[in-house]
Amino acid sequence: MKKKPSLSELVDIPEGILRDFTMEIYSDKEIVFTGKCEITELSDSALKIKSDEHRIFCEGNGLQIKDYTENGVRIVGEITGTRFERDETP
C-alpha cells in the first residue's frame, strides 16, 4: 500500500507550526490531529484546535468528533477550509 504524503510534504507550513503535533487530511471528509491538542470550539460548521502556541481553524458542514483521546482527535464531516495561526500572546 502506498504511503500517503504528510501534510508538511503537501503544503508550505511555517517552520515550527506542527512540532509534536500533526494533522492529516483525508479528502474533504476527515481530519486527524495527532498529539497534544485542545478543542476550543466545535459547532456543526466550525472547529478550533489549539496546540502549543498554534491554532488551527477548520470550516465545513456537519463537523463531528469521531474519536477524542489523549493522543489526538478525529473530525469528520464536509470540510471546506483550514487556516493556521500562530498564537502571539506571551
Protein backbone atom coordinates (compact mmCIF):
# COMPACT_ATOMS: atom_id res chain seq x y z
CA MET A 1 0.00 0.00 0.00
CA LYS A 2 1.36 3.40 -0.99
CA LYS A 3 2.07 5.71 1.96
CA LYS A 4 0.01 8.89 1.93
CA PRO A 5 2.16 12.04 1.97
CA SER A 6 2.17 14.01 5.22
CA LEU A 7 0.69 17.48 5.43
CA SER A 8 4.14 19.08 5.64
CA GLU A 9 5.08 17.31 2.40
CA LEU A 10 2.00 18.68 0.61
CA VAL A 11 1.90 22.33 1.67
CA ASP A 12 4.31 25.04 2.77
CA ILE A 13 3.75 25.32 6.52
CA PRO A 14 5.83 27.79 8.55
CA GLU A 15 8.69 26.15 10.44
CA GLY A 16 7.69 25.02 13.91
CA ILE A 17 3.96 25.10 13.29
CA LEU A 18 3.47 21.38 13.85
CA ARG A 19 6.22 20.37 16.35
CA ASP A 20 4.96 17.27 18.18
CA PHE A 21 1.56 17.76 16.62
CA THR A 22 0.47 16.53 13.21
CA MET A 23 -2.61 16.91 11.09
CA GLU A 24 -3.63 14.53 8.32
CA ILE A 25 -6.37 15.41 5.87
CA TYR A 26 -8.23 12.58 4.13
CA SER A 27 -10.05 14.18 1.19
CA ASP A 28 -12.65 16.70 2.32
CA LYS A 29 -14.35 14.31 4.73
CA GLU A 30 -11.89 13.65 7.58
CA ILE A 31 -9.08 15.33 9.52
CA VAL A 32 -6.97 13.53 12.12
CA PHE A 33 -4.98 15.59 14.63
CA THR A 34 -2.30 13.60 16.46
CA GLY A 35 -0.52 14.87 19.56
CA LYS A 36 -1.43 17.12 22.45
CA CYS A 37 -4.27 19.41 21.43
CA GLU A 38 -7.32 21.09 22.86
CA ILE A 39 -10.60 21.68 21.08
CA THR A 40 -11.56 25.24 21.94
CA GLU A 41 -14.65 25.45 19.74
CA LEU A 42 -16.79 22.96 17.86
CA SER A 43 -20.03 23.52 16.06
CA ASP A 44 -21.68 21.98 13.04
CA SER A 45 -19.76 24.42 10.82
CA ALA A 46 -16.54 25.38 12.67
CA LEU A 47 -13.73 23.78 14.65
CA LYS A 48 -10.89 25.46 16.53
CA ILE A 49 -7.96 23.44 17.87
CA LYS A 50 -5.08 24.76 19.98
CA SER A 51 -1.74 23.01 20.19
CA ASP A 52 1.29 24.60 21.85
CA GLU A 53 1.35 28.17 20.54
CA HIS A 54 -0.62 27.45 17.36
CA ARG A 55 -4.27 27.48 16.43
CA ILE A 56 -5.94 25.65 13.58
CA PHE A 57 -9.36 26.65 12.26
CA CYS A 58 -11.47 24.29 10.17
CA GLU A 59 -14.71 25.21 8.45
CA GLY A 60 -17.31 22.94 6.96
CA ASN A 61 -20.71 21.35 7.32
CA GLY A 62 -21.79 18.57 9.66
CA LEU A 63 -18.47 18.55 11.57
CA GLN A 64 -18.39 15.89 14.31
CA ILE A 65 -15.84 14.43 16.71
CA LYS A 66 -15.45 10.72 15.94
CA ASP A 67 -12.57 9.96 18.33
CA TYR A 68 -11.01 12.12 21.07
CA THR A 69 -8.21 10.65 23.18
CA GLU A 70 -5.11 11.92 24.94
CA ASN A 71 -3.24 11.11 21.71
CA GLY A 72 -5.41 13.16 19.37
CA VAL A 73 -8.76 13.72 17.75
CA ARG A 74 -10.53 12.66 14.56
CA ILE A 75 -13.06 15.00 12.96
CA VAL A 76 -15.44 14.00 10.16
CA GLY A 77 -17.87 15.97 8.02
CA GLU A 78 -17.71 18.10 4.90
CA ILE A 79 -14.51 20.12 5.33
CA THR A 80 -14.45 23.28 3.22
CA GLY A 81 -11.35 25.06 4.55
CA THR A 82 -8.49 25.18 7.05
CA ARG A 83 -6.34 28.02 8.36
CA PHE A 84 -3.27 28.16 10.63
CA GLU A 85 -2.36 30.92 13.09
CA ARG A 86 0.50 31.39 15.50
CA ASP A 87 -0.57 32.45 18.99
CA GLU A 88 1.38 35.65 19.70
CA THR A 89 0.24 36.01 23.34
CA PRO A 90 3.02 35.54 25.95
